[in-house]
Protein backbone atom coordinates (compact mmCIF):
# COMPACT_ATOMS: atom_id res chain seq x y z
CA MET A 1 -61.18 177.66 139.96
CA ASP A 2 -59.78 177.37 143.45
CA GLN A 3 -57.48 174.34 143.80
CA THR A 4 -58.95 173.37 147.17
CA TYR A 5 -62.51 173.51 145.82
CA GLN A 6 -61.55 171.45 142.76
CA THR A 7 -59.93 168.81 144.95
CA ARG A 8 -63.03 168.68 147.16
CA VAL A 9 -65.30 168.26 144.13
CA MET A 10 -63.13 165.48 142.74
CA ASP A 11 -63.13 163.66 146.09
CA THR A 12 -66.92 163.93 146.22
CA ALA A 13 -67.24 162.55 142.69
CA ARG A 14 -65.07 159.58 143.60
CA VAL A 15 -67.41 158.70 146.46
CA LEU A 16 -70.45 158.50 144.17
CA PRO A 17 -69.67 154.97 142.85
CA VAL A 18 -69.45 153.71 146.44
CA ALA A 19 -72.78 155.36 147.27
CA PHE A 20 -74.32 153.76 144.16
CA VAL A 21 -73.15 150.30 145.26
CA VAL A 22 -74.50 150.79 148.78
CA VAL A 23 -77.89 151.91 147.42
CA ASN A 24 -78.11 148.79 145.26
CA ILE A 25 -77.19 146.52 148.15
CA VAL A 26 -79.75 148.09 150.47
CA SER A 27 -82.46 148.04 147.78
CA LEU A 28 -82.00 144.37 147.00
CA TYR A 29 -81.80 143.46 150.69
CA VAL A 30 -85.06 145.28 151.52
CA ILE A 31 -86.96 143.94 148.50
CA TYR A 32 -85.85 140.35 149.09
CA THR A 33 -86.58 140.49 152.82
CA VAL A 34 -89.92 142.34 152.77
CA TYR A 35 -91.51 140.89 149.65
CA HIS A 36 -90.08 137.37 149.68
CA LEU A 37 -88.72 136.18 153.03
CA ILE A 38 -91.38 137.65 155.33
CA PRO A 39 -94.31 136.16 153.34
CA LEU A 40 -92.57 132.76 153.44
CA LEU A 41 -92.02 133.00 157.21
CA GLN A 42 -95.65 134.02 157.81
CA ASN A 43 -96.95 130.90 156.09
CA GLN A 44 -96.75 127.68 158.10
CA ASP A 45 -96.31 125.57 154.97
CA THR A 46 -93.28 127.54 153.75
CA TYR A 47 -91.80 128.50 157.12
CA SER A 48 -88.88 126.02 157.03
CA GLU A 49 -88.04 127.01 153.46
CA GLY A 50 -88.12 130.70 154.34
CA PHE A 51 -86.02 130.14 157.47
CA THR A 52 -83.31 128.31 155.50
CA GLN A 53 -83.25 130.94 152.80
CA ALA A 54 -83.08 133.72 155.40
CA ILE A 55 -80.02 132.16 157.05
CA VAL A 56 -78.15 131.61 153.77
CA PHE A 57 -79.02 135.07 152.44
CA ASN A 58 -78.05 136.94 155.60
CA VAL A 59 -74.79 135.05 156.04
CA ALA A 60 -73.77 135.70 152.43
CA THR A 61 -74.78 139.36 152.71
CA PHE A 62 -72.88 139.80 155.98
CA LEU A 63 -69.68 138.30 154.51
CA MET A 64 -70.12 140.46 151.43
CA MET A 65 -70.41 143.65 153.48
CA VAL A 66 -67.40 142.75 155.63
CA ALA A 67 -65.33 142.04 152.50
CA TYR A 68 -66.53 145.29 150.94
CA ILE A 69 -65.60 147.38 153.97
CA ARG A 70 -62.21 145.71 154.27
CA ALA A 71 -61.51 146.19 150.57
CA ILE A 72 -62.21 149.91 151.01
CA MET A 73 -60.40 150.43 154.30
CA THR A 74 -57.32 148.22 153.77
CA ASN A 75 -54.22 149.84 152.35
CA PRO A 76 -53.22 147.78 149.29
CA GLY A 77 -49.55 148.26 150.12
CA ASN A 78 -46.92 150.90 149.37
CA ILE A 79 -43.18 150.96 148.86
CA PRO A 80 -41.58 151.18 152.32
CA ASP A 81 -39.66 154.27 153.37
CA ASP A 82 -36.40 152.37 153.34
CA PRO A 83 -33.06 153.62 151.95
CA THR A 84 -32.94 150.38 149.96
CA TRP A 85 -35.78 151.61 147.76
CA GLU A 86 -34.77 155.27 147.47
CA TYR A 87 -34.20 156.31 143.88
CA VAL A 88 -30.83 157.91 144.71
CA PRO A 89 -29.46 155.72 147.51
CA SER A 90 -26.04 156.16 148.97
CA GLY A 91 -23.30 153.89 147.72
CA ALA A 92 -23.06 152.18 151.09
CA VAL A 93 -26.67 150.95 150.99
CA GLU A 94 -27.21 147.61 149.30
CA GLN A 95 -30.05 147.66 146.78
CA ALA A 96 -32.71 144.97 146.82
CA ALA A 97 -32.66 142.48 143.96
CA THR A 98 -35.61 142.50 141.55
CA GLN A 99 -36.69 140.34 138.63
CA GLU A 100 -38.36 143.02 136.53
CA LYS A 101 -36.05 145.50 134.84
CA LYS A 102 -36.14 147.99 132.01
CA LYS A 103 -35.07 147.07 128.49
CA THR A 104 -31.75 148.74 129.25
CA GLY A 105 -31.19 146.39 132.18
CA GLU A 106 -31.65 149.11 134.81
CA ARG A 107 -33.99 148.85 137.77
CA ARG A 108 -37.50 150.24 137.39
CA HIS A 109 -38.19 153.42 139.31
CA CYS A 110 -41.08 155.82 139.83
CA LYS A 111 -40.39 159.41 138.84
CA TRP A 112 -43.31 160.66 140.97
CA CYS A 113 -42.49 158.78 144.18
CA ALA A 114 -38.70 158.96 143.61
CA LYS A 115 -38.32 155.30 144.60
CA TYR A 116 -37.26 152.09 142.97
CA LYS A 117 -40.18 149.80 142.15
CA PRO A 118 -40.38 146.28 143.54
CA ASP A 119 -41.59 143.52 141.27
CA ARG A 120 -45.25 143.87 140.17
CA CYS A 121 -45.44 147.39 141.61
CA HIS A 122 -47.05 150.22 139.62
CA HIS A 123 -47.91 153.85 140.20
CA CYS A 124 -51.59 154.78 140.45
CA ARG A 125 -52.30 158.30 139.27
CA VAL A 126 -55.66 158.35 141.04
CA CYS A 127 -54.24 157.37 144.43
CA LYS A 128 -51.00 159.25 143.60
CA THR A 129 -48.76 156.55 145.03
CA CYS A 130 -47.08 153.29 144.05
CA ILE A 131 -49.13 150.16 144.81
CA LEU A 132 -47.54 146.80 145.62
CA LYS A 133 -48.70 144.01 143.28
CA MET A 134 -51.16 146.41 141.73
CA ASP A 135 -54.11 144.77 139.97
CA HIS A 136 -56.16 147.84 139.03
CA HIS A 137 -57.77 150.92 140.49
CA CYS A 138 -61.41 150.20 141.33
CA PRO A 139 -63.74 153.21 141.62
CA TRP A 140 -66.44 150.99 143.17
CA ILE A 141 -64.35 150.55 146.32
CA TYR A 142 -62.70 153.99 146.19
CA ASN A 143 -59.34 152.27 146.43
CA CYS A 144 -56.69 150.42 144.48
CA VAL A 145 -56.71 146.63 144.42
CA GLY A 146 -53.26 145.46 145.42
CA PHE A 147 -51.27 143.05 147.53
CA ARG A 148 -52.99 143.52 150.90
CA ASN A 149 -56.64 143.91 149.86
CA TYR A 150 -56.86 141.68 146.80
CA LYS A 151 -58.27 138.81 148.88
CA TYR A 152 -61.09 141.02 150.19
CA PHE A 153 -61.87 142.22 146.67
CA PHE A 154 -61.91 138.61 145.45
CA LEU A 155 -64.26 137.57 148.28
CA LEU A 156 -66.45 140.59 147.53
CA LEU A 157 -66.95 139.30 143.99
CA PHE A 158 -67.51 135.78 145.30
CA CYS A 159 -70.18 136.75 147.84
CA THR A 160 -71.85 139.17 145.43
CA THR A 161 -72.12 136.41 142.82
CA ILE A 162 -73.68 134.05 145.37
CA ASP A 163 -76.08 136.72 146.62
CA CYS A 164 -77.29 137.75 143.17
CA HIS A 165 -77.83 134.19 141.96
CA PHE A 166 -79.53 133.27 145.24
CA ILE A 167 -81.97 136.18 144.90
CA VAL A 168 -82.74 135.40 141.24
CA TRP A 169 -83.44 131.69 141.70
CA THR A 170 -85.24 131.75 145.06
CA MET A 171 -87.34 134.87 144.47
CA ALA A 172 -88.65 133.59 141.13
CA SER A 173 -91.67 131.96 142.85
CA SER A 174 -92.59 135.24 144.53
CA VAL A 175 -92.26 137.09 141.22
CA ARG A 176 -94.60 134.63 139.52
CA ALA A 177 -97.12 135.01 142.34
CA GLY A 178 -96.73 138.80 142.21
CA THR A 179 -97.89 138.98 138.59
CA ALA A 180 -101.45 138.03 139.62
CA PRO A 181 -104.08 140.73 138.89
CA SER A 182 -104.91 141.01 142.59
CA THR A 183 -101.33 141.99 143.51
CA PRO A 184 -100.81 145.69 144.35
CA PHE A 185 -98.93 147.60 141.69
CA MET A 186 -96.06 148.67 143.97
CA THR A 187 -95.48 145.09 145.15
CA MET A 188 -95.45 143.83 141.56
CA PHE A 189 -93.12 146.64 140.46
CA LEU A 190 -90.63 146.11 143.28
CA LEU A 191 -90.55 142.34 142.78
CA LEU A 192 -89.88 142.72 139.06
CA PHE A 193 -87.36 145.48 139.69
CA GLY A 194 -85.47 143.43 142.27
CA GLU A 195 -85.44 140.32 140.07
CA THR A 196 -84.22 142.24 137.04
CA LEU A 197 -81.56 144.14 138.97
CA ALA A 198 -80.24 140.96 140.63
CA ALA A 199 -80.14 139.13 137.28
CA PHE A 200 -78.32 142.00 135.56
CA LEU A 201 -75.74 142.40 138.31
CA GLY A 202 -75.40 138.63 138.62
CA VAL A 203 -74.38 138.25 134.98
CA LEU A 204 -71.84 141.08 135.13
CA VAL A 205 -70.30 140.06 138.43
CA THR A 206 -70.16 136.38 137.43
CA LEU A 207 -68.16 137.20 134.31
CA PHE A 208 -65.83 139.50 136.25
CA PHE A 209 -65.41 136.94 139.03
CA SER A 210 -64.63 134.19 136.49
CA PHE A 211 -61.93 136.40 134.99
CA HIS A 212 -60.30 136.89 138.39
CA ILE A 213 -60.44 133.15 139.09
CA TYR A 214 -58.46 132.68 135.88
CA LEU A 215 -55.97 135.35 136.93
CA MET A 216 -55.48 133.72 140.33
CA PHE A 217 -54.88 130.28 138.82
CA LYS A 218 -52.35 131.77 136.37
CA ALA A 219 -50.58 133.90 139.02
CA MET A 220 -51.26 137.12 137.10
CA THR A 221 -52.72 140.52 137.82
CA THR A 222 -54.99 142.47 135.51
CA ILE A 223 -52.08 144.73 134.52
CA GLU A 224 -49.87 141.73 133.73
CA PHE A 225 -52.70 140.18 131.70
CA CYS A 226 -53.03 143.37 129.65
CA GLU A 227 -49.27 143.51 129.16
CA LYS A 228 -49.18 139.89 127.96
CA SER A 229 -52.04 140.56 125.54
CA GLN A 230 -49.72 142.93 123.67
CA ARG A 231 -46.99 140.30 123.34
CA ARG A 232 -46.67 137.11 121.36
CA GLY A 233 -45.76 134.92 124.33
CA GLY A 234 -49.38 134.16 125.23
CA PHE A 235 -51.07 134.10 128.61
CA ASP A 236 -49.97 130.69 129.91
CA ALA A 237 -46.49 131.61 131.15
CA SER A 238 -45.95 133.58 134.37
CA THR A 239 -42.70 134.21 136.16
CA TYR A 240 -44.45 134.02 139.54
CA ASP A 241 -46.33 130.75 138.98
CA ARG A 242 -46.21 128.54 142.09
CA GLY A 243 -48.55 125.82 140.90
CA LEU A 244 -52.31 125.74 141.39
CA VAL A 245 -52.33 125.43 145.19
CA GLY A 246 -49.43 127.83 145.60
CA ASN A 247 -51.14 130.45 143.45
CA ILE A 248 -54.31 130.19 145.55
CA LYS A 249 -52.30 130.56 148.77
CA ALA A 250 -50.56 133.63 147.34
CA VAL A 251 -53.98 135.34 147.18
CA MET A 252 -56.15 133.72 149.87
CA GLY A 253 -53.53 133.03 152.54
CA GLU A 254 -51.74 129.95 153.83
CA ASN A 255 -54.62 128.47 155.87
CA PRO A 256 -57.24 126.79 153.61
CA LEU A 257 -59.83 126.96 156.41
CA LEU A 258 -59.78 130.77 156.18
CA TRP A 259 -59.85 131.10 152.41
CA LEU A 260 -63.55 132.01 152.27
CA LEU A 261 -63.47 134.37 155.25
CA PRO A 262 -62.45 138.05 154.98
CA VAL A 263 -59.56 137.59 157.43
CA ALA A 264 -55.91 136.48 157.27
CA GLY A 265 -54.60 137.90 154.03
CA PRO A 266 -51.48 136.71 152.18
CA THR A 267 -48.18 136.42 153.97
CA GLY A 268 -45.10 138.46 153.16
CA ARG A 269 -44.42 142.13 152.54
CA GLY A 270 -45.36 142.24 148.86
CA LEU A 271 -41.85 143.18 147.78
CA SER A 272 -40.64 139.85 146.37
CA PHE A 273 -42.60 137.01 144.79
CA VAL A 274 -39.87 134.62 143.71
CA THR A 275 -39.75 131.61 146.06
CA GLU A 276 -38.47 128.07 145.89
CA GLU A 277 -41.86 127.05 144.46
CA THR A 278 -41.63 129.56 141.63
CA ARG A 279 -38.05 128.46 140.85
CA LEU A 280 -39.12 124.82 140.78
CA SER A 281 -42.10 125.62 138.55
CA LYS A 282 -39.84 127.65 136.24
CA ASP A 283 -37.28 124.83 136.06
CA MET A 284 -40.04 122.36 135.21
CA GLU A 285 -41.28 124.65 132.44
CA VAL A 286 -37.74 124.97 131.07
CA GLY A 287 -37.30 121.20 131.23
CA ARG A 288 -40.57 120.61 129.42
CA GLY A 289 -39.57 123.16 126.80
CA MET A 290 -36.18 121.49 126.23
CA ARG A 291 -37.79 118.06 125.91
CA ARG A 292 -40.39 119.44 123.50
CA ARG A 293 -37.73 121.07 121.33
CA ALA A 294 -35.63 117.89 121.33
CA HIS A 295 -38.66 115.84 120.32
CA GLN A 296 -39.52 118.26 117.53
CA LYS A 297 -35.92 118.18 116.31
CA GLY A 298 -35.93 114.38 116.28
CA GLU A 299 -39.19 114.29 114.37
CA ALA A 300 -37.83 116.77 111.87
CA GLN A 301 -34.72 114.62 111.31
CA LYS A 302 -36.89 111.57 110.74
CA ASN A 303 -38.95 113.38 108.14
CA VAL A 304 -35.89 114.51 106.16
CA ALA A 305 -35.56 112.38 102.98
CA PRO A 306 -32.19 110.60 102.55
CA LYS A 307 -29.89 112.02 99.95
CA ARG A 308 -29.99 110.19 96.62
CA ARG A 309 -26.75 108.90 95.18
CA VAL A 310 -25.96 110.47 91.86
CA GLU A 311 -24.51 108.12 89.28
CA ARG A 312 -21.64 109.58 87.34
CA PRO A 313 -21.91 108.80 83.61
CA HIS A 314 -18.76 107.28 82.04
CA MET A 315 -17.49 108.88 78.86
CA SER A 316 -16.25 106.48 76.20
CA GLY A 317 -14.49 109.08 74.14
CA GLY A 318 -11.82 111.62 74.91
CA GLY A 319 -12.45 114.98 76.35
CA THR A 320 -11.24 117.46 78.86
CA GLY A 321 -11.77 115.10 81.83
CA SER A 322 -15.15 116.53 82.90
CA THR A 323 -17.77 113.93 83.76
CA GLY A 324 -20.61 116.27 82.95
CA HIS A 325 -22.27 116.36 86.47
CA SER A 326 -23.58 119.58 87.94
CA GLU A 327 -22.04 121.60 90.76
CA GLU A 328 -24.76 120.42 93.13
CA ASP A 329 -23.94 116.82 92.34
CA SER A 330 -20.23 117.38 92.99
CA TYR A 331 -20.94 117.93 96.74
CA THR A 332 -22.59 114.53 97.09
CA SER A 333 -20.89 112.29 94.54
CA GLY A 334 -17.24 112.13 95.53
CA SER A 335 -17.44 111.59 99.29
CA GLU A 336 -20.55 109.39 99.24
CA GLU A 337 -19.26 107.24 96.41
CA ALA A 338 -15.99 106.70 98.17
CA SER A 339 -17.67 105.90 101.46
CA THR A 340 -19.86 103.20 99.88
CA LEU A 341 -16.91 101.22 98.61
CA GLN A 342 -15.67 98.26 100.59
CA PRO A 343 -12.11 98.40 101.92
CA THR A 344 -11.00 95.70 99.46
CA GLU A 345 -12.51 97.43 96.46
CA SER A 346 -11.08 100.32 94.51
CA PRO A 347 -12.92 102.61 92.15
CA GLU A 348 -12.62 101.87 88.47
CA PRO A 349 -10.56 104.42 86.54
CA ASP A 350 -12.40 106.79 84.38
CA VAL A 351 -11.04 106.35 80.86
CA GLY A 352 -12.28 109.74 79.94
CA SER A 353 -10.02 111.52 82.41
CA SER A 354 -6.66 113.02 81.49
CA SER A 355 -4.78 110.97 84.08
CA SER A 356 -6.24 107.75 82.64
CA ARG A 357 -5.27 108.67 79.10
CA LEU A 358 -1.76 109.49 80.24
CA ALA A 359 -1.40 106.17 82.01
CA HIS A 360 -2.78 104.37 78.93
CA GLY A 361 -0.30 106.13 76.66
CA GLU A 362 2.63 105.21 78.91
CA ALA A 363 1.53 101.58 78.81
CA LEU A 364 1.51 101.63 74.99
CA ASP A 365 4.98 103.20 74.91
CA SER A 366 6.32 100.52 77.16
CA LYS A 367 5.06 97.87 74.74
CA GLU A 368 6.89 99.37 71.73
CA PRO A 369 10.24 97.77 70.87
């Protein structure tokens, strides 16, 4: 097969998911407008309700479409063509510092792009390039989700969730009225189809959106989440954690007033993610870990039972000088017994020992005439 033709077929196949999404959006928009909003606006009793719903629905749909277009058209970010990131730089060029390294301690590099990888950067085989802060490749937007377009992807999920739930809950009255026997079949079919489609997509997108809310709060990407799932460290620790507000700003931008608008993405170049906030958060985590370990150590010392003093039995008869205690007892008897004596006291001699017998014999000799 000709290489050019194969490439053209593959590019066409990659556009199909985008076309499928557009068809669903247009279908739901037409069904909701024609079979729900227009009947409400034509009735004087429900005009105000229909007008309010029309404004909310169209605003949410407009923001969703803007976010969708920007997620498709925005470059997620690539490694700059800078000698600093070249895989074989000259000795005179200073290499940029990175946090992520191989197990050998060397810098990560891409063998396809022939460049060193910044932190959180990964190569996408579909896009055939390295993506800064890569989250995943999304066929539904015909693009990778990375540093520069992650906000637009996040807002796309947010607006889609609102739109689907809004359609399901507000169009329910029209669906109930459409099940009457006098309703034309096509009207009934389209109302039920639109309600079912919105409910199905709403459940899926809500779950996916909830997952990305969790990732944003934890300062993780989907790739980092999958990597942590294969380790024993858990999902709570992240090197790039800046706190709750800092993590939101890292995705939605510095201005809170623009967080819900598909404008003003995150600041920076996407090459480094370690700031003073991340260092402070890391130091706090280390401090909490040290205090937790110290507390556990103290509790463990409290729970250790005190060593019991072993009484040494006194032998009345002669022998070899052995008191008969075990080897384990010998490590605790001598030093502990001596330490418990008062300074004015002295231990009683053991008559069974050889030194005591010798001293006793010398005393008897001294008494003989």
